[in-house]
Every structure is written in structure tokens, then in C-alpha cells.
Amino acid sequence: MTLKTIEIETAPQPRATILLMHGLGADGNDFVPIAGELDLSSVGPVRFVFPNAPVIPVTINGGYQMPAWYDISNADLTRREDEAGLRASQAALEVLLEREKARGIPASRIVIAGFSQGCAMALMTGLRHAQPLAGIVGLSGYLPLADTTAAERHSANAHTPIFMGHGQQDAVVPLSRASASHDTLRALGYTVDWHEYPMQHSVCMEEIADLNAWLNRVLAPA
């Protein structure tokens, strides 16, 4: 699977990459405005990469075809997970990570991030990546295939900082599901910067400000 992407560079010769995945039914354009809201001038030029998920039938939506990183069969997101779809998308995202390295951005200068389904993919891919990343960002999502994480995670990212933000009124991915993912990650020894916001399944300016400060820390020039 080859993913089409939208790319934005804040200036020529970027020194860092932020790979940001959208949620179910959206596309790469969904989070393009985020690039304009973040002030990463202290980091230097940054390349934002917004991949488009493949269009597949989604069971919970009556089999309607839409952009999705994996299928969802019911509202309980951790039951009957689409392992094949998750792993196919992980492999496609790994290709994008390797492409960034080939373009001169080391893994240590790459942040992998996502919203909702994109959050699931960021956590799944980032924890299993074979080189240490600068950071992993999960917005309004959860940890997929949680039971396999301990066995499949790569030691290279054992100390990679993780940012997680979630809405207290989220009716799509309940706060309890995200909180359980946070607890699982903490129990596995990860450092998780956890934030809750008075919002639904969305992002808010307070979250963007917190994320901005966190990105400046993890991408600070050595």
C-alpha cells in the first residue's frame, strides 16, 4: 500500500518532520491548519507530512467506503480489532518514515502523531519502530492491539516521550478508553504527558498550545 501525502515545509531544508495522521472519514487536509497554528521557529524548518488513509468499507458505518486506517466492527473499539488492517497501515507508515530518513531527517528528528484512528496508528507504529523517534503524539484516540504491545514494542523507543490529549466529553472514543491506554503505557515504563480538555471528539486551542510547547521541547536543537 502506497500512501498519498500532503506536505508543507515551514522553510527550505527542514531539520525535523512531523508525520500526522487524520481520523476516520477525513483525509490529509483535515489537520493542515494545525501547521499554521504551531510556532516551531526555535526548532528550525519543519516538514509536515499528512498522509491520506486508504478508502475501505467500514463495518460500523454499514460497509460504506471511506478513508480509514483500519476497519471498525463495533462501538467497543478494543473488541474484534482489525489486526490485518492495522498492520497493513503500520507497514505503509513505516515506508513514510523510511522516506523521511532517506531525505535527510534522522529518526531522532521525527515526531509521529495522529488523531482518533490516526492516534491509534501513531502509537502502534511509533512504539514498534526500530530507531528512536523524537516523540509520539496521540490525540483523542487509544492504544490498539494493547495485548501485543509488550511483546512487539521495540527497545529503541522505550524512552521516547509521548503526548496524549483527550476530550472529557468525547462520545466517539470515551475518555475511559484513552485513560486505560495511558495506564497501559505507563505500566510498560513509558513517559506519557497526559492532558484532558473540556471538549468532545475534537481539538481545542488549549490542546494546541500544550502540544506546541511539548514539540518545542522534544525537537529542541541539541
N, C-alpha and C. Protein backbone atom coordinates (compact mmCIF):
# COMPACT_ATOMS: atom_id res chain seq x y z
N MET A 1 0.85 -1.19 0.00
CA MET A 1 0.00 0.00 0.00
C MET A 1 0.88 1.25 0.00
N THR A 2 0.68 2.11 -0.99
CA THR A 2 1.41 3.36 -1.09
C THR A 2 0.48 4.51 -0.72
N LEU A 3 0.86 5.30 0.25
CA LEU A 3 0.00 6.39 0.73
C LEU A 3 0.33 7.69 0.01
N LYS A 4 -0.71 8.37 -0.45
CA LYS A 4 -0.53 9.72 -0.97
C LYS A 4 -0.44 10.68 0.21
N THR A 5 0.36 11.72 0.06
CA THR A 5 0.58 12.65 1.17
C THR A 5 0.45 14.10 0.73
N ILE A 6 0.15 14.93 1.69
CA ILE A 6 0.23 16.39 1.55
C ILE A 6 1.42 16.83 2.38
N GLU A 7 2.25 17.70 1.83
CA GLU A 7 3.45 18.13 2.55
C GLU A 7 3.53 19.65 2.61
N ILE A 8 3.93 20.13 3.76
CA ILE A 8 4.15 21.56 3.98
C ILE A 8 5.50 21.73 4.66
N GLU A 9 6.33 22.60 4.13
CA GLU A 9 7.61 22.91 4.76
C GLU A 9 7.59 24.36 5.21
N THR A 10 7.95 24.58 6.47
CA THR A 10 7.92 25.94 7.00
C THR A 10 9.04 26.80 6.43
N ALA A 11 10.07 26.15 5.89
CA ALA A 11 11.18 26.84 5.23
C ALA A 11 11.99 25.77 4.50
N PRO A 12 12.85 26.16 3.57
CA PRO A 12 13.66 25.16 2.88
C PRO A 12 14.59 24.42 3.83
N GLN A 13 15.02 23.25 3.38
CA GLN A 13 15.95 22.40 4.12
C GLN A 13 15.47 22.11 5.55
N PRO A 14 14.34 21.42 5.67
CA PRO A 14 13.80 21.13 7.01
C PRO A 14 14.75 20.30 7.85
N ARG A 15 14.69 20.55 9.15
CA ARG A 15 15.55 19.85 10.10
C ARG A 15 14.77 18.86 10.95
N ALA A 16 13.46 18.81 10.76
CA ALA A 16 12.62 17.89 11.52
C ALA A 16 11.37 17.59 10.70
N THR A 17 10.73 16.47 11.00
CA THR A 17 9.49 16.08 10.32
C THR A 17 8.43 15.74 11.36
N ILE A 18 7.22 16.20 11.11
CA ILE A 18 6.05 15.78 11.89
C ILE A 18 5.11 15.05 10.94
N LEU A 19 4.92 13.76 11.18
CA LEU A 19 4.03 12.92 10.38
C LEU A 19 2.72 12.81 11.14
N LEU A 20 1.64 13.35 10.56
CA LEU A 20 0.38 13.49 11.28
C LEU A 20 -0.77 12.82 10.53
N MET A 21 -1.38 11.81 11.16
CA MET A 21 -2.45 11.04 10.55
C MET A 21 -3.83 11.52 11.00
N HIS A 22 -4.74 11.62 10.05
CA HIS A 22 -6.11 12.05 10.31
C HIS A 22 -6.95 10.92 10.90
N GLY A 23 -8.21 11.25 11.20
CA GLY A 23 -9.14 10.27 11.75
C GLY A 23 -10.03 9.65 10.70
N LEU A 24 -10.95 8.80 11.14
CA LEU A 24 -11.87 8.08 10.27
C LEU A 24 -12.72 9.02 9.43
N GLY A 25 -12.75 8.76 8.13
CA GLY A 25 -13.62 9.52 7.23
C GLY A 25 -13.06 10.85 6.78
N ALA A 26 -11.91 11.25 7.31
CA ALA A 26 -11.29 12.52 6.91
C ALA A 26 -10.21 12.23 5.87
N ASP A 27 -9.35 13.19 5.65
CA ASP A 27 -8.19 12.96 4.77
C ASP A 27 -7.05 13.84 5.23
N GLY A 28 -5.96 13.83 4.47
CA GLY A 28 -4.77 14.56 4.89
C GLY A 28 -4.98 16.05 5.08
N ASN A 29 -6.00 16.61 4.42
CA ASN A 29 -6.26 18.05 4.54
C ASN A 29 -6.79 18.43 5.93
N ASP A 30 -7.30 17.45 6.66
CA ASP A 30 -8.03 17.74 7.89
C ASP A 30 -7.19 18.49 8.91
N PHE A 31 -5.90 18.15 8.99
CA PHE A 31 -5.06 18.77 10.01
C PHE A 31 -4.02 19.72 9.43
N VAL A 32 -4.13 20.04 8.15
CA VAL A 32 -3.22 21.01 7.56
C VAL A 32 -3.24 22.34 8.32
N PRO A 33 -4.42 22.83 8.76
CA PRO A 33 -4.42 24.10 9.51
C PRO A 33 -3.57 24.08 10.77
N ILE A 34 -3.34 22.89 11.35
CA ILE A 34 -2.51 22.79 12.56
C ILE A 34 -1.11 23.33 12.30
N ALA A 35 -0.61 23.07 11.10
CA ALA A 35 0.75 23.53 10.77
C ALA A 35 0.86 25.04 10.92
N GLY A 36 -0.21 25.75 10.60
CA GLY A 36 -0.20 27.20 10.72
C GLY A 36 -0.39 27.71 12.13
N GLU A 37 -0.92 26.85 13.01
CA GLU A 37 -1.17 27.26 14.39
C GLU A 37 0.06 27.05 15.29
N LEU A 38 0.95 26.19 14.87
CA LEU A 38 2.12 25.87 15.70
C LEU A 38 3.27 26.82 15.42
N ASP A 39 3.94 27.25 16.47
CA ASP A 39 5.13 28.09 16.34
C ASP A 39 6.35 27.24 16.73
N LEU A 40 7.02 26.73 15.70
CA LEU A 40 8.19 25.89 15.92
C LEU A 40 9.46 26.57 15.40
N SER A 41 9.46 27.89 15.44
CA SER A 41 10.58 28.66 14.91
C SER A 41 11.88 28.32 15.64
N SER A 42 11.80 27.97 16.92
CA SER A 42 13.01 27.62 17.65
C SER A 42 13.59 26.28 17.21
N VAL A 43 12.77 25.47 16.57
CA VAL A 43 13.22 24.16 16.08
C VAL A 43 13.99 24.30 14.78
N GLY A 44 13.61 25.30 13.99
CA GLY A 44 14.14 25.44 12.65
C GLY A 44 13.10 24.99 11.64
N PRO A 45 13.45 24.91 10.36
CA PRO A 45 12.48 24.49 9.34
C PRO A 45 11.94 23.09 9.64
N VAL A 46 10.62 22.94 9.49
CA VAL A 46 9.95 21.67 9.78
C VAL A 46 9.14 21.24 8.56
N ARG A 47 9.19 19.96 8.27
CA ARG A 47 8.34 19.40 7.21
C ARG A 47 7.16 18.68 7.88
N PHE A 48 5.96 19.09 7.53
CA PHE A 48 4.75 18.39 7.95
C PHE A 48 4.32 17.45 6.83
N VAL A 49 4.06 16.20 7.19
CA VAL A 49 3.60 15.21 6.22
C VAL A 49 2.24 14.71 6.69
N PHE A 50 1.22 14.90 5.83
CA PHE A 50 -0.15 14.50 6.14
C PHE A 50 -0.57 13.40 5.17
N PRO A 51 -0.46 12.13 5.56
CA PRO A 51 -0.85 11.05 4.64
C PRO A 51 -2.36 10.87 4.57
N ASN A 52 -2.82 10.36 3.44
CA ASN A 52 -4.23 10.02 3.25
C ASN A 52 -4.41 8.52 3.49
N ALA A 53 -5.34 8.16 4.34
CA ALA A 53 -5.64 6.76 4.59
C ALA A 53 -6.28 6.14 3.35
N PRO A 54 -6.15 4.82 3.18
CA PRO A 54 -6.83 4.16 2.06
C PRO A 54 -8.34 4.22 2.24
N VAL A 55 -9.07 4.13 1.15
CA VAL A 55 -10.54 4.09 1.19
C VAL A 55 -10.96 2.63 1.27
N ILE A 56 -11.64 2.28 2.37
CA ILE A 56 -12.06 0.89 2.60
C ILE A 56 -13.49 0.87 3.14
N PRO A 57 -14.19 -0.27 3.02
CA PRO A 57 -15.51 -0.37 3.66
C PRO A 57 -15.36 -0.43 5.18
N VAL A 58 -16.20 0.31 5.88
CA VAL A 58 -16.13 0.36 7.35
C VAL A 58 -17.41 -0.26 7.91
N THR A 59 -17.24 -1.37 8.61
CA THR A 59 -18.38 -2.18 9.05
C THR A 59 -19.36 -1.39 9.91
N ILE A 60 -18.85 -0.63 10.89
CA ILE A 60 -19.73 0.08 11.81
C ILE A 60 -20.58 1.14 11.10
N ASN A 61 -20.14 1.56 9.92
CA ASN A 61 -20.90 2.52 9.11
C ASN A 61 -21.62 1.83 7.95
N GLY A 62 -22.03 0.61 8.19
CA GLY A 62 -22.82 -0.11 7.20
C GLY A 62 -22.05 -0.56 5.98
N GLY A 63 -20.75 -0.65 6.12
CA GLY A 63 -19.92 -1.06 4.99
C GLY A 63 -19.63 0.05 4.00
N TYR A 64 -20.03 1.27 4.35
CA TYR A 64 -19.77 2.41 3.46
C TYR A 64 -18.27 2.61 3.32
N GLN A 65 -17.83 2.87 2.09
CA GLN A 65 -16.40 3.06 1.85
C GLN A 65 -15.99 4.48 2.17
N MET A 66 -14.92 4.60 2.94
CA MET A 66 -14.43 5.91 3.35
C MET A 66 -12.95 5.78 3.72
N PRO A 67 -12.25 6.92 3.82
CA PRO A 67 -10.85 6.85 4.26
C PRO A 67 -10.78 6.30 5.69
N ALA A 68 -10.00 5.26 5.87
CA ALA A 68 -9.86 4.64 7.20
C ALA A 68 -8.54 3.91 7.26
N TRP A 69 -7.91 3.98 8.42
CA TRP A 69 -6.64 3.28 8.61
C TRP A 69 -6.87 1.80 8.87
N TYR A 70 -8.07 1.46 9.33
CA TYR A 70 -8.44 0.06 9.58
C TYR A 70 -9.95 0.02 9.78
N ASP A 71 -10.52 -1.18 9.70
CA ASP A 71 -11.96 -1.34 9.86
C ASP A 71 -12.34 -1.28 11.34
N ILE A 72 -13.55 -0.84 11.61
CA ILE A 72 -14.11 -0.86 12.96
C ILE A 72 -15.43 -1.62 12.87
N SER A 73 -15.56 -2.68 13.69
CA SER A 73 -16.76 -3.52 13.59
C SER A 73 -17.84 -3.14 14.59
N ASN A 74 -17.48 -2.51 15.72
CA ASN A 74 -18.49 -2.12 16.70
C ASN A 74 -17.97 -0.98 17.56
N ALA A 75 -18.86 -0.45 18.38
CA ALA A 75 -18.52 0.73 19.17
C ALA A 75 -17.47 0.45 20.24
N ASP A 76 -17.34 -0.82 20.67
CA ASP A 76 -16.30 -1.17 21.61
C ASP A 76 -15.01 -1.35 20.80
N LEU A 77 -14.18 -0.32 20.81
CA LEU A 77 -13.06 -0.25 19.88
C LEU A 77 -12.01 -1.33 20.09
N THR A 78 -12.01 -1.97 21.24
CA THR A 78 -10.97 -2.97 21.51
C THR A 78 -11.46 -4.41 21.32
N ARG A 79 -12.71 -4.58 20.90
CA ARG A 79 -13.22 -5.92 20.61
C ARG A 79 -13.14 -6.17 19.11
N ARG A 80 -12.71 -7.35 18.74
CA ARG A 80 -12.63 -7.76 17.33
C ARG A 80 -11.88 -6.70 16.51
N GLU A 81 -10.70 -6.35 16.98
CA GLU A 81 -9.90 -5.35 16.27
C GLU A 81 -9.47 -5.90 14.91
N ASP A 82 -9.39 -4.99 13.94
CA ASP A 82 -8.97 -5.34 12.59
C ASP A 82 -7.45 -5.42 12.54
N GLU A 83 -6.93 -6.53 13.03
CA GLU A 83 -5.48 -6.65 13.13
C GLU A 83 -4.81 -6.56 11.77
N ALA A 84 -5.39 -7.19 10.75
CA ALA A 84 -4.79 -7.15 9.42
C ALA A 84 -4.74 -5.73 8.88
N GLY A 85 -5.81 -4.97 9.08
CA GLY A 85 -5.84 -3.58 8.62
C GLY A 85 -4.86 -2.71 9.37
N LEU A 86 -4.79 -2.90 10.68
CA LEU A 86 -3.84 -2.15 11.50
C LEU A 86 -2.41 -2.40 11.04
N ARG A 87 -2.09 -3.65 10.81
CA ARG A 87 -0.71 -3.98 10.43
C ARG A 87 -0.39 -3.51 9.01
N ALA A 88 -1.36 -3.52 8.13
CA ALA A 88 -1.12 -3.02 6.77
C ALA A 88 -0.84 -1.52 6.80
N SER A 89 -1.59 -0.78 7.61
CA SER A 89 -1.36 0.67 7.71
C SER A 89 -0.04 0.96 8.41
N GLN A 90 0.29 0.15 9.41
CA GLN A 90 1.59 0.32 10.07
C GLN A 90 2.73 0.17 9.06
N ALA A 91 2.64 -0.85 8.21
CA ALA A 91 3.68 -1.07 7.21
C ALA A 91 3.77 0.11 6.24
N ALA A 92 2.62 0.68 5.87
CA ALA A 92 2.62 1.82 4.95
C ALA A 92 3.23 3.05 5.60
N LEU A 93 2.98 3.23 6.89
CA LEU A 93 3.57 4.37 7.60
C LEU A 93 5.06 4.19 7.80
N GLU A 94 5.50 2.96 7.97
CA GLU A 94 6.93 2.70 8.07
C GLU A 94 7.65 3.13 6.78
N VAL A 95 6.99 2.94 5.65
CA VAL A 95 7.57 3.38 4.37
C VAL A 95 7.78 4.89 4.39
N LEU A 96 6.80 5.63 4.94
CA LEU A 96 6.93 7.09 5.01
C LEU A 96 8.05 7.50 5.96
N LEU A 97 8.19 6.79 7.06
CA LEU A 97 9.29 7.09 7.98
C LEU A 97 10.64 6.86 7.31
N GLU A 98 10.74 5.76 6.56
CA GLU A 98 12.00 5.49 5.86
C GLU A 98 12.26 6.54 4.79
N ARG A 99 11.22 7.03 4.16
CA ARG A 99 11.39 8.07 3.14
C ARG A 99 11.94 9.35 3.77
N GLU A 100 11.46 9.69 4.94
CA GLU A 100 11.98 10.88 5.61
C GLU A 100 13.46 10.73 5.94
N LYS A 101 13.84 9.56 6.40
CA LYS A 101 15.26 9.32 6.69
C LYS A 101 16.09 9.43 5.42
N ALA A 102 15.55 8.88 4.32
CA ALA A 102 16.27 8.96 3.05
C ALA A 102 16.41 10.40 2.58
N ARG A 103 15.50 11.27 3.00
CA ARG A 103 15.56 12.69 2.63
C ARG A 103 16.39 13.50 3.61
N GLY A 104 17.05 12.82 4.54
CA GLY A 104 17.99 13.51 5.41
C GLY A 104 17.51 13.83 6.80
N ILE A 105 16.30 13.38 7.18
CA ILE A 105 15.79 13.63 8.53
C ILE A 105 16.00 12.38 9.36
N PRO A 106 16.90 12.40 10.33
CA PRO A 106 17.10 11.20 11.15
C PRO A 106 15.86 10.88 11.99
N ALA A 107 15.73 9.63 12.40
CA ALA A 107 14.58 9.24 13.20
C ALA A 107 14.44 10.10 14.45
N SER A 108 15.57 10.49 15.02
CA SER A 108 15.57 11.29 16.25
C SER A 108 15.01 12.69 16.05
N ARG A 109 14.71 13.06 14.79
CA ARG A 109 14.12 14.37 14.48
C ARG A 109 12.72 14.21 13.86
N ILE A 110 12.12 13.04 14.08
CA ILE A 110 10.79 12.77 13.53
C ILE A 110 9.81 12.56 14.68
N VAL A 111 8.68 13.24 14.60
CA VAL A 111 7.56 13.02 15.52
C VAL A 111 6.44 12.36 14.72
N ILE A 112 5.91 11.26 15.22
CA ILE A 112 4.77 10.61 14.58
C ILE A 112 3.54 10.90 15.43
N ALA A 113 2.48 11.40 14.78
CA ALA A 113 1.32 11.91 15.51
C ALA A 113 0.04 11.51 14.79
N GLY A 114 -1.08 11.55 15.53
CA GLY A 114 -2.34 11.24 14.88
C GLY A 114 -3.53 11.57 15.76
N PHE A 115 -4.69 11.68 15.11
CA PHE A 115 -5.96 11.99 15.77
C PHE A 115 -6.91 10.81 15.59
N SER A 116 -7.52 10.33 16.69
CA SER A 116 -8.52 9.27 16.65
C SER A 116 -7.91 7.98 16.06
N GLN A 117 -8.39 7.50 14.91
CA GLN A 117 -7.74 6.35 14.28
C GLN A 117 -6.27 6.66 14.01
N GLY A 118 -5.97 7.89 13.65
CA GLY A 118 -4.58 8.29 13.42
C GLY A 118 -3.76 8.20 14.68
N CYS A 119 -4.38 8.47 15.84
CA CYS A 119 -3.70 8.31 17.12
C CYS A 119 -3.33 6.85 17.33
N ALA A 120 -4.27 5.97 17.05
CA ALA A 120 -4.01 4.54 17.19
C ALA A 120 -2.81 4.13 16.34
N MET A 121 -2.76 4.64 15.11
CA MET A 121 -1.67 4.29 14.21
C MET A 121 -0.34 4.89 14.67
N ALA A 122 -0.37 6.11 15.22
CA ALA A 122 0.86 6.73 15.71
C ALA A 122 1.44 5.93 16.87
N LEU A 123 0.57 5.54 17.82
CA LEU A 123 1.05 4.76 18.96
C LEU A 123 1.55 3.39 18.52
N MET A 124 0.78 2.72 17.68
CA MET A 124 1.17 1.38 17.24
C MET A 124 2.49 1.40 16.48
N THR A 125 2.62 2.33 15.54
CA THR A 125 3.81 2.39 14.70
C THR A 125 5.01 2.91 15.48
N GLY A 126 4.81 3.97 16.23
CA GLY A 126 5.92 4.58 16.95
C GLY A 126 6.56 3.64 17.95
N LEU A 127 5.75 2.90 18.71
CA LEU A 127 6.30 2.03 19.74
C LEU A 127 7.05 0.84 19.15
N ARG A 128 6.73 0.49 17.91
CA ARG A 128 7.37 -0.65 17.27
C ARG A 128 8.52 -0.25 16.33
N HIS A 129 8.73 1.04 16.14
CA HIS A 129 9.75 1.48 15.19
C HIS A 129 11.15 1.13 15.70
N ALA A 130 12.03 0.74 14.79
CA ALA A 130 13.33 0.17 15.17
C ALA A 130 14.41 1.20 15.44
N GLN A 131 14.10 2.50 15.31
CA GLN A 131 15.05 3.55 15.65
C GLN A 131 14.36 4.57 16.55
N PRO A 132 15.10 5.21 17.46
CA PRO A 132 14.47 6.13 18.40
C PRO A 132 13.92 7.38 17.73
N LEU A 133 12.64 7.61 17.91
CA LEU A 133 11.97 8.79 17.36
C LEU A 133 12.06 9.95 18.36
N ALA A 134 11.78 11.16 17.85
CA ALA A 134 11.79 12.33 18.75
C ALA A 134 10.59 12.31 19.68
N GLY A 135 9.46 11.79 19.20
CA GLY A 135 8.27 11.77 20.04
C GLY A 135 7.10 11.11 19.33
N ILE A 136 6.09 10.76 20.13
CA ILE A 136 4.85 10.17 19.64
C ILE A 136 3.69 10.97 20.21
N VAL A 137 2.73 11.34 19.34
CA VAL A 137 1.59 12.15 19.76
C VAL A 137 0.30 11.40 19.48
N GLY A 138 -0.54 11.26 20.50
CA GLY A 138 -1.85 10.63 20.33
C GLY A 138 -2.95 11.56 20.78
N LEU A 139 -3.79 12.00 19.85
CA LEU A 139 -4.88 12.92 20.15
C LEU A 139 -6.22 12.21 20.00
N SER A 140 -7.03 12.23 21.04
CA SER A 140 -8.39 11.70 21.01
C SER A 140 -8.46 10.27 20.48
N GLY A 141 -7.54 9.43 20.94
CA GLY A 141 -7.51 8.06 20.46
C GLY A 141 -7.14 7.09 21.56
N TYR A 142 -6.58 5.96 21.15
CA TYR A 142 -6.29 4.88 22.10
C TYR A 142 -5.18 4.00 21.56
N LEU A 143 -4.69 3.09 22.39
CA LEU A 143 -3.64 2.15 22.01
C LEU A 143 -4.27 0.89 21.43
N PRO A 144 -4.04 0.60 20.14
CA PRO A 144 -4.61 -0.62 19.55
C PRO A 144 -3.73 -1.83 19.84
N LEU A 145 -4.33 -3.02 19.70
CA LEU A 145 -3.60 -4.27 19.95
C LEU A 145 -2.78 -4.17 21.24
N ALA A 146 -3.44 -3.68 22.27
CA ALA A 146 -2.74 -3.41 23.53
C ALA A 146 -2.09 -4.67 24.10
N ASP A 147 -2.74 -5.82 23.90
CA ASP A 147 -2.22 -7.05 24.48
C ASP A 147 -0.92 -7.51 23.83
N THR A 148 -0.63 -7.02 22.63
CA THR A 148 0.60 -7.43 21.95
C THR A 148 1.72 -6.40 22.08
N THR A 149 1.41 -5.26 22.67
CA THR A 149 2.38 -4.16 22.72
C THR A 149 3.64 -4.54 23.47
N ALA A 150 3.50 -5.18 24.62
CA ALA A 150 4.67 -5.52 25.44
C ALA A 150 5.64 -6.42 24.67
N ALA A 151 5.09 -7.37 23.91
CA ALA A 151 5.94 -8.31 23.18
C ALA A 151 6.51 -7.71 21.91
N GLU A 152 5.76 -6.79 21.28
CA GLU A 152 6.15 -6.29 19.96
C GLU A 152 6.87 -4.94 19.99
N ARG A 153 6.79 -4.21 21.07
CA ARG A 153 7.43 -2.90 21.13
C ARG A 153 8.94 -3.05 20.93
N HIS A 154 9.56 -2.00 20.40
CA HIS A 154 11.00 -2.04 20.16
C HIS A 154 11.72 -1.26 21.25
N SER A 155 12.81 -1.81 21.71
CA SER A 155 13.57 -1.15 22.79
C SER A 155 14.10 0.22 22.36
N ALA A 156 14.22 0.45 21.05
CA ALA A 156 14.73 1.74 20.57
C ALA A 156 13.86 2.90 21.02
N ASN A 157 12.55 2.65 21.21
CA ASN A 157 11.65 3.73 21.61
C ASN A 157 11.12 3.57 23.03
N ALA A 158 11.87 2.84 23.85
CA ALA A 158 11.47 2.65 25.24
C ALA A 158 11.42 3.97 26.02
N HIS A 159 12.25 4.94 25.61
CA HIS A 159 12.32 6.20 26.33
C HIS A 159 11.81 7.39 25.51
N THR A 160 11.13 7.10 24.41
CA THR A 160 10.59 8.17 23.56
C THR A 160 9.43 8.85 24.27
N PRO A 161 9.45 10.17 24.39
CA PRO A 161 8.34 10.87 25.05
C PRO A 161 7.04 10.75 24.27
N ILE A 162 5.94 10.65 25.00
CA ILE A 162 4.62 10.51 24.40
C ILE A 162 3.71 11.62 24.92
N PHE A 163 3.00 12.27 24.01
CA PHE A 163 1.98 13.27 24.36
C PHE A 163 0.62 12.67 24.05
N MET A 164 -0.29 12.68 25.03
CA MET A 164 -1.66 12.23 24.80
C MET A 164 -2.63 13.30 25.28
N GLY A 165 -3.58 13.67 24.43
CA GLY A 165 -4.61 14.63 24.78
C GLY A 165 -5.97 14.06 24.46
N HIS A 166 -6.98 14.34 25.33
CA HIS A 166 -8.30 13.76 25.12
C HIS A 166 -9.39 14.66 25.68
N GLY A 167 -10.55 14.61 25.04
CA GLY A 167 -11.69 15.40 25.49
C GLY A 167 -12.48 14.69 26.57
N GLN A 168 -12.86 15.42 27.60
CA GLN A 168 -13.62 14.83 28.70
C GLN A 168 -15.04 14.46 28.29
N GLN A 169 -15.56 15.08 27.21
CA GLN A 169 -16.90 14.75 26.73
C GLN A 169 -16.87 13.99 25.41
N ASP A 170 -15.77 13.28 25.15
CA ASP A 170 -15.63 12.55 23.89
C ASP A 170 -16.60 11.36 23.88
N ALA A 171 -17.55 11.37 22.93
CA ALA A 171 -18.52 10.28 22.81
C ALA A 171 -18.11 9.26 21.75
N VAL A 172 -17.04 9.54 21.02
CA VAL A 172 -16.57 8.62 19.97
C VAL A 172 -15.54 7.65 20.53
N VAL A 173 -14.52 8.21 21.15
CA VAL A 173 -13.53 7.40 21.89
C VAL A 173 -13.65 7.84 23.35
N PRO A 174 -14.37 7.09 24.17
CA PRO A 174 -14.59 7.52 25.55
C PRO A 174 -13.29 7.80 26.29
N LEU A 175 -13.36 8.77 27.18
CA LEU A 175 -12.18 9.13 27.98
C LEU A 175 -11.63 7.91 28.72
N SER A 176 -12.51 7.03 29.17
CA SER A 176 -12.06 5.85 29.91
C SER A 176 -11.17 4.96 29.05
N ARG A 177 -11.46 4.87 27.74
CA ARG A 177 -10.64 4.04 26.85
C ARG A 177 -9.26 4.65 26.68
N ALA A 178 -9.22 5.96 26.49
CA ALA A 178 -7.93 6.63 26.37
C ALA A 178 -7.14 6.56 27.67
N SER A 179 -7.83 6.72 28.78
CA SER A 179 -7.17 6.66 30.08
C SER A 179 -6.59 5.27 30.33
N ALA A 180 -7.31 4.23 29.92
CA ALA A 180 -6.80 2.87 30.06
C ALA A 180 -5.54 2.67 29.22
N SER A 181 -5.51 3.28 28.03
CA SER A 181 -4.32 3.21 27.18
C SER A 181 -3.14 3.91 27.85
N HIS A 182 -3.44 5.08 28.43
CA HIS A 182 -2.41 5.81 29.16
C HIS A 182 -1.84 4.96 30.30
N ASP A 183 -2.73 4.30 31.04
CA ASP A 183 -2.29 3.47 32.16
C ASP A 183 -1.44 2.30 31.68
N THR A 184 -1.83 1.71 30.55
CA THR A 184 -1.05 0.60 29.99
C THR A 184 0.36 1.06 29.62
N LEU A 185 0.45 2.21 28.97
CA LEU A 185 1.75 2.74 28.56
C LEU A 185 2.62 3.06 29.78
N ARG A 186 2.01 3.67 30.77
CA ARG A 186 2.77 3.98 31.99
C ARG A 186 3.27 2.71 32.65
N ALA A 187 2.42 1.67 32.69
CA ALA A 187 2.81 0.41 33.31
C ALA A 187 3.97 -0.25 32.57
N LEU A 188 4.07 0.03 31.27
CA LEU A 188 5.16 -0.51 30.46
C LEU A 188 6.43 0.34 30.57
N GLY A 189 6.35 1.43 31.33
CA GLY A 189 7.54 2.23 31.58
C GLY A 189 7.69 3.47 30.72
N TYR A 190 6.67 3.79 29.91
CA TYR A 190 6.78 4.96 29.04
C TYR A 190 6.49 6.25 29.80
N THR A 191 7.13 7.33 29.37
CA THR A 191 6.84 8.66 29.91
C THR A 191 5.74 9.28 29.07
N VAL A 192 4.58 9.48 29.68
CA VAL A 192 3.41 9.99 28.95
C VAL A 192 3.00 11.33 29.53
N ASP A 193 2.97 12.34 28.68
CA ASP A 193 2.48 13.67 29.05
C ASP A 193 0.98 13.68 28.76
N TRP A 194 0.16 13.49 29.80
CA TRP A 194 -1.28 13.28 29.66
C TRP A 194 -2.04 14.58 29.91
N HIS A 195 -3.02 14.86 29.01
CA HIS A 195 -3.83 16.08 29.14
C HIS A 195 -5.29 15.76 28.87
N GLU A 196 -6.17 16.32 29.70
CA GLU A 196 -7.61 16.24 29.47
C GLU A 196 -8.14 17.65 29.23
N TYR A 197 -9.15 17.74 28.33
CA TYR A 197 -9.70 19.05 27.98
C TYR A 197 -11.23 19.00 27.99
N PRO A 198 -11.88 20.13 28.31
CA PRO A 198 -13.36 20.16 28.31
C PRO A 198 -13.89 20.29 26.88
N MET A 199 -13.78 19.21 26.11
CA MET A 199 -14.20 19.22 24.72
C MET A 199 -14.73 17.84 24.35
N GLN A 200 -15.29 17.74 23.14
CA GLN A 200 -15.78 16.48 22.62
C GLN A 200 -14.67 15.82 21.77
N HIS A 201 -15.04 15.13 20.70
CA HIS A 201 -14.05 14.44 19.86
C HIS A 201 -13.48 15.44 18.87
N SER A 202 -12.55 16.23 19.35
CA SER A 202 -12.02 17.34 18.55
C SER A 202 -10.69 17.78 19.14
N VAL A 203 -10.21 18.92 18.67
CA VAL A 203 -9.05 19.56 19.28
C VAL A 203 -9.48 20.95 19.72
N CYS A 204 -8.73 21.55 20.63
CA CYS A 204 -9.03 22.89 21.10
C CYS A 204 -7.74 23.69 21.17
N MET A 205 -7.88 24.99 21.31
CA MET A 205 -6.71 25.86 21.31
C MET A 205 -5.79 25.58 22.50
N GLU A 206 -6.37 25.23 23.65
CA GLU A 206 -5.53 24.90 24.81
C GLU A 206 -4.67 23.67 24.50
N GLU A 207 -5.25 22.68 23.83
CA GLU A 207 -4.51 21.48 23.48
C GLU A 207 -3.39 21.81 22.49
N ILE A 208 -3.69 22.64 21.50
CA ILE A 208 -2.68 23.04 20.52
C ILE A 208 -1.53 23.76 21.21
N ALA A 209 -1.85 24.62 22.18
CA ALA A 209 -0.80 25.34 22.91
C ALA A 209 0.07 24.37 23.71
N ASP A 210 -0.56 23.40 24.36
CA ASP A 210 0.20 22.40 25.12
C ASP A 210 1.08 21.56 24.18
N LEU A 211 0.50 21.18 23.05
CA LEU A 211 1.25 20.39 22.07
C LEU A 211 2.42 21.20 21.52
N ASN A 212 2.18 22.49 21.26
CA ASN A 212 3.23 23.37 20.74
C ASN A 212 4.43 23.41 21.69
N ALA A 213 4.15 23.58 22.98
CA ALA A 213 5.23 23.63 23.97
C ALA A 213 5.97 22.29 24.03
N TRP A 214 5.22 21.20 23.97
CA TRP A 214 5.84 19.86 24.02
C TRP A 214 6.72 19.60 22.79
N LEU A 215 6.22 19.97 21.60
CA LEU A 215 7.01 19.79 20.38
C LEU A 215 8.30 20.59 20.42
N ASN A 216 8.23 21.80 20.94
CA ASN A 216 9.45 22.60 21.05
C ASN A 216 10.46 21.94 21.99
N ARG A 217 9.97 21.23 23.00
CA ARG A 217 10.90 20.55 23.91
C ARG A 217 11.53 19.33 23.24
N VAL A 218 10.72 18.48 22.63
CA VAL A 218 11.27 17.22 22.11
C VAL A 218 12.06 17.43 20.83
N LEU A 219 11.81 18.53 20.14
CA LEU A 219 12.54 18.82 18.90
C LEU A 219 13.58 19.92 19.08
N ALA A 220 13.85 20.30 20.31
CA ALA A 220 14.84 21.36 20.57
C ALA A 220 16.19 20.94 19.99
N PRO A 221 16.84 21.84 19.28
CA PRO A 221 18.17 21.52 18.72
C PRO A 221 19.12 21.08 19.82
N ALA A 222 19.94 20.08 19.52
CA ALA A 222 20.89 19.57 20.51
C ALA A 222 21.96 20.62 20.80
